[in-house]
Amino acid sequence: MKIMEFLNDKAISADLKATTKEGIIRELIDLLANAQVIKEKEKLVKLLLEREALGSTGIGQGVAIPHGKSESVKQLVAAFGLSQKGVNFDSLDGEPVYIFFLLVAPEDSAGPHLKALARISRLLKDKYFRDTLRAVKDEKIVLKIIKQEDAKK
């Protein structure tokens, strides 16, 4: 599974403005809404915040992958965002988060959802890839870097 199979190229921000967990989730959901891949924004924000309450999706090393399942999407969709300042996301390592992948999967799709999480986690384990992404200030370059990394593995 490739990231570009589910990441909407119009749902990318190289400069998220929010400074809180809820704010980041709202901003990423807004990206998906503006790209016209989701409709029920508030319902999805609530769903993702409920998922966060079970345990943070901040996986460490400056990365978070907020995710959830909803009947309001027909296929796996994702947004990507960079925070230049970093956000306290209750990460496992206690460090601020700079790189965000937000995933929303259909209610009945365990396989693709888990494959997407695994794919993102694997790519973001690479320190060079993380550092390269963090240095970017332009959405087109973010997209280019993700596509290049996607093609490698």
Protein backbone atom coordinates (compact mmCIF):
# COMPACT_ATOMS: atom_id res chain seq x y z
CA MET A 1 0.00 0.00 0.00
CA LYS A 2 1.32 3.42 -0.99
CA ILE A 3 0.57 6.62 0.96
CA MET A 4 -0.59 8.38 -2.20
CA GLU A 5 -3.40 5.82 -2.50
CA PHE A 6 -5.14 7.49 0.46
CA LEU A 7 -3.45 10.87 1.03
CA ASN A 8 -5.42 13.59 -0.72
CA ASP A 9 -2.95 15.92 -2.44
CA LYS A 10 -5.23 18.88 -1.65
CA ALA A 11 -5.28 18.01 2.07
CA ILE A 12 -1.71 19.01 2.87
CA SER A 13 -0.48 21.92 4.97
CA ALA A 14 3.16 22.83 5.52
CA ASP A 15 2.20 25.36 8.19
CA LEU A 16 -0.47 24.27 10.67
CA LYS A 17 -1.37 27.18 12.94
CA ALA A 18 -3.09 25.37 15.82
CA THR A 19 -1.30 25.05 19.15
CA THR A 20 -3.49 22.38 20.82
CA LYS A 21 -4.38 18.77 20.10
CA GLU A 22 -8.00 19.63 19.33
CA GLY A 23 -6.93 22.57 17.18
CA ILE A 24 -4.60 20.41 15.11
CA ILE A 25 -7.32 17.79 14.59
CA ARG A 26 -9.79 20.49 13.54
CA GLU A 27 -7.28 22.02 11.13
CA LEU A 28 -6.51 18.63 9.53
CA ILE A 29 -10.24 17.83 9.24
CA ASP A 30 -10.73 21.24 7.61
CA LEU A 31 -8.11 20.27 5.00
CA LEU A 32 -10.13 17.14 4.17
CA ALA A 33 -13.38 19.13 4.06
CA ASN A 34 -11.84 21.77 1.78
CA ALA A 35 -10.58 18.98 -0.49
CA GLN A 36 -14.21 17.77 -0.53
CA VAL A 37 -13.46 14.24 0.68
CA ILE A 38 -15.44 14.50 3.91
CA LYS A 39 -18.67 16.21 4.90
CA GLU A 40 -19.40 15.73 8.60
CA LYS A 41 -16.61 17.80 10.12
CA GLU A 42 -17.88 18.07 13.69
CA LYS A 43 -18.76 14.39 13.86
CA LEU A 44 -15.24 13.46 12.73
CA VAL A 45 -13.57 15.89 15.15
CA LYS A 46 -15.57 14.33 18.00
CA LEU A 47 -14.68 10.80 16.83
CA LEU A 48 -10.97 11.59 16.65
CA LEU A 49 -10.93 13.34 20.03
CA GLU A 50 -12.68 10.31 21.56
CA ARG A 51 -9.97 8.11 20.04
CA GLU A 52 -7.30 10.39 21.55
CA ALA A 53 -8.95 10.03 24.96
CA LEU A 54 -8.21 6.27 24.80
CA GLY A 55 -4.52 6.97 24.31
CA SER A 56 -2.48 9.51 22.41
CA THR A 57 -1.70 8.86 18.77
CA GLY A 58 1.51 10.86 19.27
CA ILE A 59 3.90 7.98 18.58
CA GLY A 60 7.10 9.85 19.45
CA GLN A 61 9.99 11.39 17.53
CA GLY A 62 7.83 14.40 16.63
CA VAL A 63 5.13 12.32 14.90
CA ALA A 64 1.39 11.83 15.49
CA ILE A 65 -1.09 9.78 13.48
CA PRO A 66 -4.57 10.70 14.71
CA HIS A 67 -6.99 8.18 13.25
CA GLY A 68 -10.49 6.77 13.49
CA LYS A 69 -13.24 4.93 11.67
CA SER A 70 -16.47 6.49 10.50
CA GLU A 71 -19.47 5.50 8.41
CA SER A 72 -19.25 8.97 6.84
CA VAL A 73 -16.35 7.95 4.56
CA LYS A 74 -16.52 5.32 1.82
CA GLN A 75 -12.77 4.83 1.50
CA LEU A 76 -9.63 5.49 3.51
CA VAL A 77 -8.69 9.19 3.41
CA ALA A 78 -5.77 11.09 4.91
CA ALA A 79 -4.53 14.61 5.49
CA PHE A 80 -0.98 15.68 6.23
CA GLY A 81 0.22 18.66 8.21
CA LEU A 82 3.41 20.17 9.56
CA SER A 83 3.57 22.36 12.62
CA GLN A 84 6.61 24.63 12.47
CA LYS A 85 6.52 25.31 16.23
CA GLY A 86 5.54 21.86 17.49
CA VAL A 87 2.46 20.95 19.54
CA ASN A 88 2.05 19.17 22.85
CA PHE A 89 0.12 16.09 21.69
CA ASP A 90 0.67 13.94 24.82
CA SER A 91 3.22 11.93 22.84
CA LEU A 92 4.60 8.69 24.19
CA ASP A 93 8.04 10.29 24.51
CA GLY A 94 6.70 13.59 25.92
CA GLU A 95 8.20 15.56 23.01
CA PRO A 96 6.31 18.09 20.86
CA VAL A 97 4.81 16.88 17.57
CA TYR A 98 5.67 18.49 14.25
CA ILE A 99 4.51 15.89 11.70
CA PHE A 100 0.84 14.87 11.51
CA PHE A 101 -0.89 12.27 9.37
CA LEU A 102 -4.63 12.15 10.01
CA LEU A 103 -6.47 9.03 8.81
CA VAL A 104 -10.20 8.36 8.56
CA ALA A 105 -11.29 4.89 7.47
CA PRO A 106 -14.69 3.40 6.71
CA GLU A 107 -16.33 1.68 9.68
CA ASP A 108 -15.78 -1.85 8.30
CA SER A 109 -12.22 -1.58 6.97
CA ALA A 110 -9.78 -3.08 9.45
CA GLY A 111 -7.28 -4.23 6.80
CA PRO A 112 -6.62 -1.01 4.84
CA HIS A 113 -6.72 1.09 8.03
CA LEU A 114 -4.04 -1.04 9.72
CA LYS A 115 -1.93 -1.25 6.55
CA ALA A 116 -2.03 2.54 6.22
CA LEU A 117 -0.97 3.03 9.86
CA ALA A 118 1.86 0.53 9.40
CA ARG A 119 3.01 2.17 6.16
CA ILE A 120 3.09 5.65 7.67
CA SER A 121 4.86 4.39 10.81
CA ARG A 122 7.48 2.57 8.75
CA LEU A 123 8.28 5.61 6.58
CA LEU A 124 8.42 7.96 9.57
CA LYS A 125 10.85 5.73 11.47
CA ASP A 126 13.46 7.06 9.03
CA LYS A 127 15.09 10.06 10.74
CA TYR A 128 16.31 11.53 7.43
CA PHE A 129 12.76 11.43 6.01
CA ARG A 130 11.34 13.08 9.17
CA ASP A 131 14.03 15.77 9.16
CA THR A 132 13.54 16.43 5.44
CA LEU A 133 9.78 16.84 5.91
CA ARG A 134 10.21 19.12 8.92
CA ALA A 135 12.45 21.48 6.96
CA VAL A 136 9.85 22.05 4.23
CA LYS A 137 7.73 25.20 4.07
CA ASP A 138 5.76 24.48 0.88
CA GLU A 139 2.94 21.98 0.24
CA LYS A 140 4.13 21.07 -3.27
CA ILE A 141 7.54 20.09 -1.90
CA VAL A 142 5.91 18.08 0.92
CA LEU A 143 3.95 16.18 -1.71
CA LYS A 144 7.08 15.61 -3.82
CA ILE A 145 9.05 14.27 -0.83
CA ILE A 146 6.23 11.90 0.20
CA LYS A 147 5.87 10.65 -3.40
CA GLN A 148 9.63 10.04 -3.65
CA GLU A 149 9.72 8.13 -0.36
CA ASP A 150 6.57 6.21 -1.33
CA ALA A 151 8.22 5.05 -4.57
CA LYS A 152 11.32 3.70 -2.76
CA LYS A 153 9.76 1.13 -0.49
